[in-house]
Amino acid sequence: MEIRATLSWLVLAISLTGLSRATEAPLDLKQSSLKFTGHAFLHDFDGAAKDFQGSAQIDPAQPTLVRGAHLDFPAAGMTTFEDTRDGNMRDWLHVGTHPEIEFQLTTVLPLKGDPAKATRDNPAQFTVRGTLTLNGTTRPLETTAAGWREGNALVVTGTTRIDTTAYGLPIIKQLFLAVDKEVDIAFHLVFDLPPGLAAQ
């Protein structure tokens, strides 16, 4: 009797796990962007990630919500649109030793708005938490983001700021030029919803 009860609970647990399993929504690179702004003495400079990939885990029961996400950025694919500066940045990032920059989203907490009714003009607001791995160092990262459904896609946008010295990267100083340790990041991520979820 005890064995039968144990088996029944096991079957139920497996069934519930299957029902709660998240669905992968791949990142649409053509519509997505990640841009950054570095601050140097007397001027700022802009940059972007040229190539990156990732996916979000969507709850089938609540397709407007993201359960988690993973983004992978090749460090050598970061550009400031100037060859000499890009070469210096690749040396600074140690791309030969640490070729990947990764972000792992672990927690999404609603702040404002109804995700089911969110639009570009009236997006839902969230607190997002996860970890950023840069220069072989992984640290927690928290910021706010906006999200909404747009056709068959889920759109997530926001900004954050990171302290590069927290990841073991030195402050760049050349003659009278000094680059600030903090970098501003703006992201616009578009995830393609699978047909079953896109129709909901």
Protein backbone atom coordinates (compact mmCIF):
# COMPACT_ATOMS: atom_id res chain seq x y z
CA MET A 1 0.00 0.00 0.00
CA GLU A 2 2.79 2.38 0.90
CA ILE A 3 4.64 1.55 -2.33
CA ARG A 4 1.50 2.15 -4.36
CA ALA A 5 0.96 5.53 -2.69
CA THR A 6 4.56 6.51 -3.34
CA LEU A 7 4.22 5.58 -7.01
CA SER A 8 1.01 7.60 -7.26
CA TRP A 9 2.73 10.69 -5.87
CA LEU A 10 5.65 10.16 -8.25
CA VAL A 11 3.34 9.97 -11.28
CA LEU A 12 1.54 13.11 -10.11
CA ALA A 13 4.82 14.97 -9.64
CA ILE A 14 5.99 14.00 -13.12
CA SER A 15 2.66 15.08 -14.60
CA LEU A 16 2.75 18.44 -12.87
CA THR A 17 6.34 18.97 -13.99
CA GLY A 18 5.33 18.31 -17.56
CA LEU A 19 2.42 20.74 -17.32
CA SER A 20 4.62 23.50 -15.93
CA ARG A 21 7.46 23.01 -18.39
CA ALA A 22 8.44 26.26 -20.11
CA THR A 23 8.46 26.66 -23.89
CA GLU A 24 11.52 28.07 -25.67
CA ALA A 25 11.08 31.28 -27.66
CA PRO A 26 14.20 32.01 -29.77
CA LEU A 27 15.69 35.47 -30.02
CA ASP A 28 15.04 37.28 -33.30
CA LEU A 29 18.47 38.77 -33.99
CA LYS A 30 17.30 40.91 -36.92
CA GLN A 31 14.87 42.80 -34.71
CA SER A 32 16.90 42.75 -31.51
CA SER A 33 19.71 45.05 -30.44
CA LEU A 34 22.10 45.58 -27.56
CA LYS A 35 23.87 48.93 -27.46
CA PHE A 36 26.29 50.42 -24.97
CA THR A 37 27.73 53.83 -24.19
CA GLY A 38 31.18 54.33 -22.73
CA HIS A 39 32.09 57.56 -20.99
CA ALA A 40 35.51 59.07 -21.54
CA PHE A 41 37.08 62.40 -20.64
CA LEU A 42 35.45 65.12 -22.80
CA HIS A 43 33.40 62.68 -24.90
CA ASP A 44 31.28 59.54 -24.92
CA PHE A 45 31.40 56.73 -27.45
CA ASP A 46 28.71 54.30 -28.54
CA GLY A 47 28.94 50.63 -29.35
CA ALA A 48 26.85 47.56 -30.06
CA ALA A 49 26.86 43.79 -30.07
CA LYS A 50 27.04 42.67 -33.71
CA ASP A 51 26.27 39.00 -33.15
CA PHE A 52 24.46 37.41 -30.26
CA GLN A 53 21.96 34.67 -29.65
CA GLY A 54 19.62 33.41 -27.00
CA SER A 55 16.13 32.39 -26.06
CA ALA A 56 13.45 33.01 -23.45
CA GLN A 57 11.47 30.46 -21.51
CA ILE A 58 7.76 31.24 -21.75
CA ASP A 59 5.10 29.87 -19.42
CA PRO A 60 2.48 28.15 -21.66
CA ALA A 61 -0.20 28.99 -19.10
CA GLN A 62 0.78 32.68 -19.15
CA PRO A 63 2.42 33.39 -22.54
CA THR A 64 2.82 37.09 -21.72
CA LEU A 65 5.32 36.24 -18.98
CA VAL A 66 8.97 35.26 -19.26
CA ARG A 67 10.15 32.63 -16.79
CA GLY A 68 13.82 32.89 -17.69
CA ALA A 69 16.19 33.69 -20.52
CA HIS A 70 19.74 33.12 -21.66
CA LEU A 71 21.74 35.48 -23.89
CA ASP A 72 25.18 34.77 -25.31
CA PHE A 73 27.37 37.58 -26.71
CA PRO A 74 30.74 36.78 -28.38
CA ALA A 75 33.14 39.30 -26.87
CA ALA A 76 34.93 39.71 -30.21
CA GLY A 77 31.60 40.74 -31.75
CA MET A 78 31.37 43.92 -29.68
CA THR A 79 32.11 47.03 -31.73
CA THR A 80 32.50 50.78 -31.21
CA PHE A 81 32.49 51.34 -35.01
CA GLU A 82 36.17 52.32 -35.06
CA ASP A 83 38.80 49.71 -35.89
CA THR A 84 41.62 50.96 -33.66
CA ARG A 85 39.33 51.41 -30.67
CA ASP A 86 37.77 48.00 -31.30
CA GLY A 87 41.20 46.38 -31.25
CA ASN A 88 41.96 48.03 -27.91
CA MET A 89 38.58 46.94 -26.56
CA ARG A 90 39.16 43.32 -27.56
CA ASP A 91 42.50 43.38 -25.72
CA TRP A 92 40.81 44.96 -22.71
CA LEU A 93 38.06 42.29 -22.74
CA HIS A 94 40.64 39.46 -22.99
CA VAL A 95 38.62 37.85 -25.78
CA GLY A 96 41.25 35.13 -26.29
CA THR A 97 40.86 33.94 -22.71
CA HIS A 98 37.19 34.78 -22.12
CA PRO A 99 35.49 34.77 -25.54
CA GLU A 100 31.89 34.80 -24.29
CA ILE A 101 29.73 37.30 -22.43
CA GLU A 102 26.61 35.70 -20.99
CA PHE A 103 23.47 36.84 -19.26
CA GLN A 104 21.21 34.39 -17.44
CA LEU A 105 17.79 35.69 -16.40
CA THR A 106 16.50 33.95 -13.28
CA THR A 107 13.68 36.07 -11.83
CA VAL A 108 10.95 38.30 -13.28
CA LEU A 109 8.80 40.30 -10.85
CA PRO A 110 5.81 42.36 -12.10
CA LEU A 111 5.94 46.04 -11.11
CA LYS A 112 3.21 47.81 -13.02
CA GLY A 113 0.63 47.10 -15.70
CA ASP A 114 -1.14 43.99 -16.97
CA PRO A 115 1.17 41.90 -19.20
CA ALA A 116 -1.88 40.50 -21.04
CA LYS A 117 -2.92 44.00 -22.10
CA ALA A 118 0.49 45.61 -22.51
CA THR A 119 1.32 47.45 -25.74
CA ARG A 120 4.30 49.39 -27.09
CA ASP A 121 2.68 52.65 -25.93
CA ASN A 122 1.62 51.19 -22.58
CA PRO A 123 4.05 48.39 -21.68
CA ALA A 124 4.07 46.33 -18.51
CA GLN A 125 6.95 47.04 -16.13
CA PHE A 126 9.08 44.37 -14.45
CA THR A 127 12.04 43.94 -12.15
CA VAL A 128 14.44 41.45 -13.72
CA ARG A 129 17.25 39.65 -11.93
CA GLY A 130 19.94 37.36 -13.15
CA THR A 131 23.68 36.95 -13.54
CA LEU A 132 26.12 38.52 -15.97
CA THR A 133 29.35 36.74 -16.85
CA LEU A 134 32.04 39.05 -18.20
CA ASN A 135 35.80 38.50 -18.32
CA GLY A 136 35.26 35.11 -16.68
CA THR A 137 33.56 36.71 -13.66
CA THR A 138 29.90 36.08 -12.80
CA ARG A 139 28.01 38.64 -10.75
CA PRO A 140 24.32 39.31 -10.00
CA LEU A 141 22.58 41.92 -12.12
CA GLU A 142 19.23 43.59 -11.45
CA THR A 143 17.38 46.19 -13.50
CA THR A 144 13.90 47.16 -14.68
CA ALA A 145 12.43 46.26 -18.05
CA ALA A 146 9.31 46.88 -20.10
CA GLY A 147 7.51 44.17 -22.03
CA TRP A 148 4.60 43.68 -24.42
CA ARG A 149 3.23 41.38 -27.14
CA GLU A 150 3.60 42.60 -30.71
CA GLY A 151 2.04 40.28 -33.26
CA ASN A 152 3.74 36.89 -32.88
CA ALA A 153 6.59 38.31 -30.83
CA LEU A 154 7.33 39.18 -27.23
CA VAL A 155 9.32 42.40 -26.88
CA VAL A 156 11.47 43.30 -23.86
CA THR A 157 13.32 46.60 -23.55
CA GLY A 158 15.27 48.38 -20.86
CA THR A 159 18.54 49.90 -19.71
CA THR A 160 21.11 49.10 -17.07
CA ARG A 161 24.58 50.18 -15.97
CA ILE A 162 27.51 47.97 -15.06
CA ASP A 163 30.73 48.67 -13.21
CA THR A 164 33.42 47.04 -15.36
CA THR A 165 35.93 46.98 -12.50
CA ALA A 166 33.60 44.59 -10.66
CA TYR A 167 34.41 42.09 -13.41
CA GLY A 168 38.16 42.48 -13.09
CA LEU A 169 38.55 44.88 -16.02
CA PRO A 170 41.03 47.73 -15.51
CA ILE A 171 40.25 51.42 -15.93
CA ILE A 172 41.70 52.56 -19.27
CA LYS A 173 44.05 55.54 -19.02
CA GLN A 174 46.10 56.83 -21.95
CA LEU A 175 47.82 60.22 -21.63
CA PHE A 176 44.95 62.63 -20.90
CA LEU A 177 42.26 60.10 -21.80
CA ALA A 178 40.47 58.20 -19.06
CA VAL A 179 37.52 55.92 -19.67
CA ASP A 180 34.92 55.72 -16.92
CA LYS A 181 34.52 52.35 -15.24
CA GLU A 182 30.73 52.42 -15.71
CA VAL A 183 29.11 51.51 -19.01
CA ASP A 184 25.46 52.17 -19.88
CA ILE A 185 23.61 49.40 -21.72
CA ALA A 186 20.33 49.60 -23.64
CA PHE A 187 18.61 46.43 -24.82
CA HIS A 188 15.72 45.77 -27.20
CA LEU A 189 15.03 42.05 -27.35
CA VAL A 190 12.44 40.40 -29.56
CA PHE A 191 11.54 36.76 -28.98
CA ASP A 192 9.60 34.78 -31.58
CA LEU A 193 6.72 32.96 -29.94
CA PRO A 194 6.02 29.38 -31.08
CA PRO A 195 2.79 29.04 -33.13
CA GLY A 196 0.83 27.59 -30.22
CA LEU A 197 1.69 30.51 -27.95
CA ALA A 198 1.58 33.20 -30.63
CA ALA A 199 -2.09 32.41 -31.26
CA GLN A 200 -3.05 32.94 -27.62
